[in-house]
């Protein structure tokens, strides 16, 4: 699979992971919100897919939870947010178990693509 980050961003991300591998702190729980809903927040991605995206945010539950642990209220609000509030993004991307960097805290990537020549 092609790297969605530039070599510089990929190295920055690799360094971050190496320097923080022993921490039990969830980077997503501590991410500053750009927008907050009742059960969700939108945050900036500190290590964006800068090769393909001009904007890279993420939406994640306020609770530290995997998808299978969502309450009905969390599910309903996510569907409403996706339907009503995310039109500014070109793509909503979800990682697989193979690619998830924070598997214990569900998140979706919200991307505005770059113009490609």
C-alpha atoms as a PDB file:
ATOM      1  CA  UNK A   1       0.000   0.000   0.000  1.00  0.00           C
ATOM      2  CA  UNK A   2       1.262   3.462  -0.843  1.00  0.00           C
ATOM      3  CA  UNK A   3       2.008   5.749   2.064  1.00  0.00           C
ATOM      4  CA  UNK A   4      -0.598   8.511   2.327  1.00  0.00           C
ATOM      5  CA  UNK A   5       1.924  10.708   4.136  1.00  0.00           C
ATOM      6  CA  UNK A   6       4.894  12.483   2.595  1.00  0.00           C
ATOM      7  CA  UNK A   7       8.276  11.013   3.602  1.00  0.00           C
ATOM      8  CA  UNK A   8       8.790  13.892   6.071  1.00  0.00           C
ATOM      9  CA  UNK A   9       5.386  13.377   7.731  1.00  0.00           C
ATOM     10  CA  UNK A  10       5.842   9.598   7.756  1.00  0.00           C
ATOM     11  CA  UNK A  11       9.170  10.034   9.580  1.00  0.00           C
ATOM     12  CA  UNK A  12       7.630  12.486  12.042  1.00  0.00           C
ATOM     13  CA  UNK A  13       4.845   9.964  12.755  1.00  0.00           C
ATOM     14  CA  UNK A  14       7.341   7.093  13.096  1.00  0.00           C
ATOM     15  CA  UNK A  15       9.412   9.145  15.567  1.00  0.00           C
ATOM     16  CA  UNK A  16       6.313  10.033  17.584  1.00  0.00           C
ATOM     17  CA  UNK A  17       5.267   6.385  17.839  1.00  0.00           C
ATOM     18  CA  UNK A  18       8.787   5.299  18.848  1.00  0.00           C
ATOM     19  CA  UNK A  19       9.036   8.001  21.517  1.00  0.00           C
ATOM     20  CA  UNK A  20       5.595   7.263  22.960  1.00  0.00           C
ATOM     21  CA  UNK A  21       5.381   3.471  22.754  1.00  0.00           C
ATOM     22  CA  UNK A  22       5.520   3.002  26.512  1.00  0.00           C
ATOM     23  CA  UNK A  23       2.741   5.428  27.384  1.00  0.00           C
ATOM     24  CA  UNK A  24      -0.709   4.218  28.351  1.00  0.00           C
ATOM     25  CA  UNK A  25      -2.198   7.640  27.633  1.00  0.00           C
ATOM     26  CA  UNK A  26      -4.629   7.809  24.701  1.00  0.00           C
ATOM     27  CA  UNK A  27      -3.611  10.513  22.229  1.00  0.00           C
ATOM     28  CA  UNK A  28      -7.188  10.700  20.923  1.00  0.00           C
ATOM     29  CA  UNK A  29      -8.749  11.202  24.355  1.00  0.00           C
ATOM     30  CA  UNK A  30      -6.443  14.184  24.873  1.00  0.00           C
ATOM     31  CA  UNK A  31      -6.846  15.723  21.405  1.00  0.00           C
ATOM     32  CA  UNK A  32      -8.176  19.287  21.478  1.00  0.00           C
ATOM     33  CA  UNK A  33     -11.564  19.509  19.771  1.00  0.00           C
ATOM     34  CA  UNK A  34     -12.323  21.677  16.776  1.00  0.00           C
ATOM     35  CA  UNK A  35     -16.018  20.953  17.268  1.00  0.00           C
ATOM     36  CA  UNK A  36     -17.883  19.133  20.043  1.00  0.00           C
ATOM     37  CA  UNK A  37     -21.217  17.341  19.935  1.00  0.00           C
ATOM     38  CA  UNK A  38     -23.058  15.525  22.719  1.00  0.00           C
ATOM     39  CA  UNK A  39     -21.106  12.265  22.213  1.00  0.00           C
ATOM     40  CA  UNK A  40     -18.505  13.094  19.546  1.00  0.00           C
ATOM     41  CA  UNK A  41     -15.754  15.533  18.724  1.00  0.00           C
ATOM     42  CA  UNK A  42     -13.887  16.546  15.581  1.00  0.00           C
ATOM     43  CA  UNK A  43     -10.135  16.983  16.002  1.00  0.00           C
ATOM     44  CA  UNK A  44      -7.199  17.893  13.790  1.00  0.00           C
ATOM     45  CA  UNK A  45      -4.943  14.991  12.835  1.00  0.00           C
ATOM     46  CA  UNK A  46      -1.422  15.766  14.077  1.00  0.00           C
ATOM     47  CA  UNK A  47       0.023  13.403  11.469  1.00  0.00           C
ATOM     48  CA  UNK A  48      -2.131  14.050   8.399  1.00  0.00           C
ATOM     49  CA  UNK A  49      -2.219  12.195   5.126  1.00  0.00           C
ATOM     50  CA  UNK A  50      -0.472  15.207   3.642  1.00  0.00           C
ATOM     51  CA  UNK A  51       0.388  13.495   0.368  1.00  0.00           C
ATOM     52  CA  UNK A  52      -3.301  13.371  -0.625  1.00  0.00           C
ATOM     53  CA  UNK A  53      -5.212  15.701   1.721  1.00  0.00           C
ATOM     54  CA  UNK A  54      -5.198  19.444   2.208  1.00  0.00           C
ATOM     55  CA  UNK A  55      -7.353  18.996   5.345  1.00  0.00           C
ATOM     56  CA  UNK A  56      -7.264  15.971   7.630  1.00  0.00           C
ATOM     57  CA  UNK A  57      -9.529  15.892  10.653  1.00  0.00           C
ATOM     58  CA  UNK A  58     -10.903  12.965  12.601  1.00  0.00           C
ATOM     59  CA  UNK A  59     -14.226  12.360  14.299  1.00  0.00           C
ATOM     60  CA  UNK A  60     -14.187  10.262  17.438  1.00  0.00           C
ATOM     61  CA  UNK A  61     -16.395   9.525  20.413  1.00  0.00           C
ATOM     62  CA  UNK A  62     -15.799  11.520  23.571  1.00  0.00           C
ATOM     63  CA  UNK A  63     -15.598   8.194  25.395  1.00  0.00           C
ATOM     64  CA  UNK A  64     -12.599   5.908  24.929  1.00  0.00           C
ATOM     65  CA  UNK A  65     -14.475   3.090  23.215  1.00  0.00           C
ATOM     66  CA  UNK A  66     -14.308   0.680  20.303  1.00  0.00           C
ATOM     67  CA  UNK A  67     -17.121   0.661  17.738  1.00  0.00           C
ATOM     68  CA  UNK A  68     -18.765  -2.425  19.213  1.00  0.00           C
ATOM     69  CA  UNK A  69     -19.114  -0.565  22.523  1.00  0.00           C
ATOM     70  CA  UNK A  70     -21.199   2.340  21.158  1.00  0.00           C
ATOM     71  CA  UNK A  71     -24.455   3.173  22.860  1.00  0.00           C
ATOM     72  CA  UNK A  72     -27.559   3.696  20.716  1.00  0.00           C
ATOM     73  CA  UNK A  73     -27.311   7.452  21.390  1.00  0.00           C
ATOM     74  CA  UNK A  74     -23.692   7.498  20.160  1.00  0.00           C
ATOM     75  CA  UNK A  75     -24.638   5.561  17.020  1.00  0.00           C
ATOM     76  CA  UNK A  76     -27.624   7.800  16.289  1.00  0.00           C
ATOM     77  CA  UNK A  77     -25.601  10.968  16.742  1.00  0.00           C
ATOM     78  CA  UNK A  78     -22.775   9.702  14.506  1.00  0.00           C
ATOM     79  CA  UNK A  79     -25.253   8.919  11.728  1.00  0.00           C
ATOM     80  CA  UNK A  80     -26.797  12.382  12.095  1.00  0.00           C
ATOM     81  CA  UNK A  81     -23.391  14.100  12.049  1.00  0.00           C
ATOM     82  CA  UNK A  82     -22.321  12.150   8.965  1.00  0.00           C
ATOM     83  CA  UNK A  83     -25.597  13.012   7.221  1.00  0.00           C
ATOM     84  CA  UNK A  84     -25.898  16.677   8.257  1.00  0.00           C
ATOM     85  CA  UNK A  85     -22.509  18.089   9.198  1.00  0.00           C
ATOM     86  CA  UNK A  86     -19.683  16.576   7.164  1.00  0.00           C
ATOM     87  CA  UNK A  87     -20.429  17.950   3.689  1.00  0.00           C
ATOM     88  CA  UNK A  88     -17.199  19.987   3.682  1.00  0.00           C
ATOM     89  CA  UNK A  89     -15.150  16.773   3.434  1.00  0.00           C
ATOM     90  CA  UNK A  90     -14.513  14.786   0.270  1.00  0.00           C
ATOM     91  CA  UNK A  91     -13.891  11.474   2.018  1.00  0.00           C
ATOM     92  CA  UNK A  92     -14.657   9.695   5.256  1.00  0.00           C
ATOM     93  CA  UNK A  93     -12.054   6.978   5.720  1.00  0.00           C
ATOM     94  CA  UNK A  94     -12.069   4.158   8.256  1.00  0.00           C
ATOM     95  CA  UNK A  95      -9.015   2.054   8.918  1.00  0.00           C
ATOM     96  CA  UNK A  96      -9.056  -1.697   9.179  1.00  0.00           C
ATOM     97  CA  UNK A  97      -7.689  -3.715  12.069  1.00  0.00           C
ATOM     98  CA  UNK A  98      -4.458  -4.007  10.038  1.00  0.00           C
ATOM     99  CA  UNK A  99      -3.974  -0.223   9.746  1.00  0.00           C
ATOM    100  CA  UNK A 100      -5.443   1.168  12.985  1.00  0.00           C
ATOM    101  CA  UNK A 101      -2.897   3.079  15.035  1.00  0.00           C
ATOM    102  CA  UNK A 102      -5.251   3.527  18.019  1.00  0.00           C
ATOM    103  CA  UNK A 103      -7.499   0.433  17.881  1.00  0.00           C
ATOM    104  CA  UNK A 104      -9.062   0.963  21.303  1.00  0.00           C
ATOM    105  CA  UNK A 105     -10.503   4.408  20.450  1.00  0.00           C
ATOM    106  CA  UNK A 106     -12.764   4.391  17.405  1.00  0.00           C
ATOM    107  CA  UNK A 107     -12.161   7.177  14.898  1.00  0.00           C
ATOM    108  CA  UNK A 108     -12.917   8.090  11.311  1.00  0.00           C
ATOM    109  CA  UNK A 109     -10.647  10.192   9.123  1.00  0.00           C
ATOM    110  CA  UNK A 110     -12.250  13.223   7.466  1.00  0.00           C
ATOM    111  CA  UNK A 111     -10.374  14.333   4.367  1.00  0.00           C
ATOM    112  CA  UNK A 112     -10.469  17.176   1.899  1.00  0.00           C
ATOM    113  CA  UNK A 113      -8.386  16.015  -1.022  1.00  0.00           C
ATOM    114  CA  UNK A 114      -5.616  17.936  -2.714  1.00  0.00           C
ATOM    115  CA  UNK A 115      -5.904  18.869  -6.349  1.00  0.00           C
ATOM    116  CA  UNK A 116      -3.740  16.307  -8.109  1.00  0.00           C
ATOM    117  CA  UNK A 117      -2.027  16.873 -11.447  1.00  0.00           C
END
